[in-house]
N, C-alpha and C. Protein backbone atom coordinates (compact mmCIF):
# COMPACT_ATOMS: atom_id res chain seq x y z
N MET A 1 27.55 1.03 -19.31
CA MET A 1 26.62 1.82 -20.12
C MET A 1 26.13 3.00 -19.27
N CYS A 2 26.21 4.18 -19.80
CA CYS A 2 25.85 5.38 -19.06
C CYS A 2 24.60 6.00 -19.68
N ILE A 3 23.61 6.22 -18.84
CA ILE A 3 22.38 6.85 -19.30
C ILE A 3 22.48 8.33 -19.02
N SER A 4 22.14 9.15 -19.98
CA SER A 4 22.22 10.59 -19.78
C SER A 4 21.23 11.03 -18.70
N HIS A 5 21.55 12.12 -18.08
CA HIS A 5 20.71 12.67 -17.00
C HIS A 5 19.30 12.95 -17.50
N ASN A 6 19.18 13.51 -18.69
CA ASN A 6 17.86 13.84 -19.24
C ASN A 6 17.03 12.58 -19.50
N LEU A 7 17.69 11.55 -20.01
CA LEU A 7 16.98 10.30 -20.28
C LEU A 7 16.52 9.67 -18.97
N ALA A 8 17.39 9.68 -17.97
CA ALA A 8 17.02 9.12 -16.66
C ALA A 8 15.85 9.89 -16.07
N ASP A 9 15.87 11.22 -16.17
CA ASP A 9 14.75 12.03 -15.66
C ASP A 9 13.46 11.69 -16.39
N ALA A 10 13.55 11.50 -17.69
CA ALA A 10 12.36 11.16 -18.48
C ALA A 10 11.79 9.81 -18.06
N ILE A 11 12.66 8.86 -17.81
CA ILE A 11 12.22 7.54 -17.37
C ILE A 11 11.55 7.63 -16.01
N VAL A 12 12.15 8.37 -15.09
CA VAL A 12 11.57 8.54 -13.76
C VAL A 12 10.20 9.21 -13.86
N ARG A 13 10.08 10.26 -14.65
CA ARG A 13 8.79 10.94 -14.82
C ARG A 13 7.74 9.99 -15.38
N SER A 14 8.15 9.20 -16.36
CA SER A 14 7.22 8.24 -16.96
C SER A 14 6.73 7.22 -15.93
N LEU A 15 7.65 6.72 -15.13
CA LEU A 15 7.27 5.75 -14.09
C LEU A 15 6.37 6.39 -13.04
N GLN A 16 6.68 7.62 -12.64
CA GLN A 16 5.85 8.30 -11.66
C GLN A 16 4.44 8.54 -12.21
N ASP A 17 4.36 8.93 -13.47
CA ASP A 17 3.05 9.16 -14.09
C ASP A 17 2.22 7.88 -14.13
N SER A 18 2.88 6.75 -14.40
CA SER A 18 2.14 5.49 -14.46
C SER A 18 1.65 5.05 -13.09
N LEU A 19 2.30 5.51 -12.04
CA LEU A 19 1.89 5.15 -10.69
C LEU A 19 0.96 6.19 -10.07
N ALA A 20 0.78 7.31 -10.73
CA ALA A 20 -0.01 8.40 -10.17
C ALA A 20 -1.50 8.06 -10.07
N VAL A 21 -1.97 7.19 -10.94
CA VAL A 21 -3.39 6.84 -10.95
C VAL A 21 -3.54 5.41 -10.42
N LEU A 22 -4.34 5.29 -9.39
CA LEU A 22 -4.59 3.99 -8.78
C LEU A 22 -5.72 3.30 -9.53
N SER A 23 -5.55 2.03 -9.83
CA SER A 23 -6.59 1.32 -10.57
C SER A 23 -7.86 1.21 -9.72
N VAL A 24 -8.96 1.10 -10.40
CA VAL A 24 -10.27 1.02 -9.75
C VAL A 24 -10.33 -0.17 -8.79
N GLU A 25 -9.71 -1.27 -9.19
CA GLU A 25 -9.73 -2.47 -8.36
C GLU A 25 -8.99 -2.28 -7.04
N LEU A 26 -7.96 -1.44 -7.06
CA LEU A 26 -7.14 -1.24 -5.86
C LEU A 26 -7.62 -0.12 -4.95
N THR A 27 -8.54 0.71 -5.43
CA THR A 27 -9.01 1.84 -4.64
C THR A 27 -9.59 1.44 -3.29
N PRO A 28 -10.46 0.43 -3.20
CA PRO A 28 -11.00 0.07 -1.88
C PRO A 28 -9.92 -0.44 -0.92
N ILE A 29 -8.95 -1.16 -1.47
CA ILE A 29 -7.86 -1.67 -0.62
C ILE A 29 -7.01 -0.51 -0.13
N HIS A 30 -6.73 0.43 -1.01
CA HIS A 30 -5.95 1.60 -0.63
C HIS A 30 -6.66 2.39 0.48
N GLU A 31 -7.95 2.58 0.31
CA GLU A 31 -8.73 3.32 1.31
C GLU A 31 -8.71 2.60 2.66
N LYS A 32 -8.82 1.28 2.63
CA LYS A 32 -8.79 0.50 3.87
C LYS A 32 -7.41 0.61 4.53
N LEU A 33 -6.35 0.55 3.75
CA LEU A 33 -5.00 0.69 4.30
C LEU A 33 -4.77 2.07 4.92
N VAL A 34 -5.30 3.09 4.28
CA VAL A 34 -5.19 4.44 4.83
C VAL A 34 -5.94 4.53 6.15
N THR A 35 -7.12 3.93 6.22
CA THR A 35 -7.90 3.92 7.46
C THR A 35 -7.16 3.19 8.56
N ILE A 36 -6.60 2.03 8.23
CA ILE A 36 -5.84 1.26 9.23
C ILE A 36 -4.65 2.06 9.72
N ARG A 37 -3.97 2.73 8.81
CA ARG A 37 -2.82 3.54 9.21
C ARG A 37 -3.24 4.64 10.18
N ARG A 38 -4.33 5.31 9.90
CA ARG A 38 -4.83 6.36 10.80
C ARG A 38 -5.18 5.79 12.17
N GLN A 39 -5.79 4.61 12.18
CA GLN A 39 -6.13 3.98 13.45
C GLN A 39 -4.88 3.60 14.23
N LEU A 40 -3.86 3.12 13.53
CA LEU A 40 -2.60 2.78 14.20
C LEU A 40 -1.93 4.02 14.80
N VAL A 41 -1.96 5.11 14.07
CA VAL A 41 -1.39 6.36 14.58
C VAL A 41 -2.14 6.80 15.84
N ALA A 42 -3.46 6.71 15.80
CA ALA A 42 -4.26 7.10 16.97
C ALA A 42 -3.97 6.19 18.16
N LEU A 43 -3.85 4.90 17.92
CA LEU A 43 -3.54 3.97 19.01
C LEU A 43 -2.15 4.22 19.57
N ALA A 44 -1.20 4.53 18.71
CA ALA A 44 0.16 4.80 19.18
C ALA A 44 0.19 6.06 20.03
N ALA A 45 -0.61 7.05 19.66
CA ALA A 45 -0.64 8.31 20.40
C ALA A 45 -1.21 8.12 21.80
N LYS A 46 -2.16 7.21 21.94
CA LYS A 46 -2.76 7.02 23.26
C LYS A 46 -2.09 5.90 24.06
N GLY A 47 -1.10 5.24 23.47
CA GLY A 47 -0.40 4.18 24.18
C GLY A 47 -1.28 2.96 24.37
N SER A 48 -1.71 2.39 23.27
CA SER A 48 -2.68 1.29 23.32
C SER A 48 -2.08 -0.02 23.81
N HIS A 49 -2.98 -0.94 24.11
CA HIS A 49 -2.60 -2.28 24.51
C HIS A 49 -2.67 -3.21 23.31
N LYS A 50 -2.06 -4.36 23.43
CA LYS A 50 -2.00 -5.34 22.35
C LYS A 50 -3.40 -5.73 21.85
N ALA A 51 -4.34 -5.84 22.76
CA ALA A 51 -5.69 -6.28 22.39
C ALA A 51 -6.34 -5.32 21.39
N GLU A 52 -6.01 -4.04 21.48
CA GLU A 52 -6.59 -3.06 20.56
C GLU A 52 -5.98 -3.16 19.16
N LEU A 53 -4.82 -3.75 19.07
CA LEU A 53 -4.16 -3.89 17.78
C LEU A 53 -4.64 -5.12 17.01
N LYS A 54 -5.16 -6.09 17.73
CA LYS A 54 -5.52 -7.37 17.11
C LYS A 54 -6.51 -7.22 15.94
N PRO A 55 -7.59 -6.46 16.07
CA PRO A 55 -8.51 -6.32 14.92
C PRO A 55 -7.83 -5.71 13.69
N LEU A 56 -6.93 -4.77 13.92
CA LEU A 56 -6.22 -4.15 12.80
C LEU A 56 -5.26 -5.16 12.15
N GLN A 57 -4.64 -5.94 12.98
CA GLN A 57 -3.74 -6.97 12.49
C GLN A 57 -4.50 -7.98 11.62
N GLU A 58 -5.70 -8.34 12.05
CA GLU A 58 -6.52 -9.27 11.27
C GLU A 58 -6.91 -8.66 9.92
N GLU A 59 -7.26 -7.39 9.91
CA GLU A 59 -7.59 -6.71 8.65
C GLU A 59 -6.40 -6.72 7.71
N LEU A 60 -5.22 -6.46 8.25
CA LEU A 60 -4.01 -6.48 7.43
C LEU A 60 -3.73 -7.87 6.88
N ARG A 61 -4.00 -8.88 7.68
CA ARG A 61 -3.81 -10.26 7.20
C ARG A 61 -4.78 -10.58 6.06
N LYS A 62 -6.02 -10.09 6.18
CA LYS A 62 -6.99 -10.31 5.10
C LYS A 62 -6.51 -9.66 3.81
N ILE A 63 -6.04 -8.44 3.92
CA ILE A 63 -5.54 -7.72 2.74
C ILE A 63 -4.33 -8.44 2.17
N ASP A 64 -3.46 -8.90 3.03
CA ASP A 64 -2.27 -9.62 2.57
C ASP A 64 -2.65 -10.91 1.86
N SER A 65 -3.65 -11.61 2.38
CA SER A 65 -4.07 -12.85 1.73
C SER A 65 -4.67 -12.57 0.36
N LEU A 66 -5.33 -11.42 0.20
CA LEU A 66 -5.84 -11.04 -1.12
C LEU A 66 -4.69 -10.83 -2.09
N SER A 67 -3.64 -10.16 -1.65
CA SER A 67 -2.51 -9.90 -2.55
C SER A 67 -1.81 -11.20 -2.91
N THR A 68 -1.72 -12.14 -1.97
CA THR A 68 -1.11 -13.43 -2.24
C THR A 68 -1.96 -14.20 -3.25
N PHE A 69 -3.28 -14.16 -3.07
CA PHE A 69 -4.18 -14.85 -3.97
C PHE A 69 -4.08 -14.27 -5.38
N ILE A 70 -4.05 -12.95 -5.49
CA ILE A 70 -3.96 -12.29 -6.80
C ILE A 70 -2.64 -12.63 -7.47
N SER A 71 -1.55 -12.59 -6.71
CA SER A 71 -0.24 -12.92 -7.26
C SER A 71 -0.20 -14.37 -7.78
N ALA A 72 -0.78 -15.26 -7.02
CA ALA A 72 -0.81 -16.66 -7.42
C ALA A 72 -1.65 -16.86 -8.68
N SER A 73 -2.73 -16.11 -8.80
CA SER A 73 -3.61 -16.22 -9.96
C SER A 73 -2.93 -15.72 -11.22
N LEU A 74 -2.12 -14.68 -11.07
CA LEU A 74 -1.46 -14.08 -12.23
C LEU A 74 -0.21 -14.85 -12.63
N GLY A 75 0.44 -15.48 -11.65
CA GLY A 75 1.73 -16.12 -11.91
C GLY A 75 1.57 -17.50 -12.33
């Protein structure tokens, strides 16, 4: 089955539009992930030690456990 180029473009645009707006519930998590990413970039630039990464790793684990909990609740 072959999808026309125009139809494929329309589908892609539709999917992009649906992802363009972040839900209110996910905004705080997104902001925290952006903050963690910035901190990781700063640590990488200064050549950090493992101990400095541990708090960020813990934050990521907390966020991951939230996503696991939400997935389990929905499924």
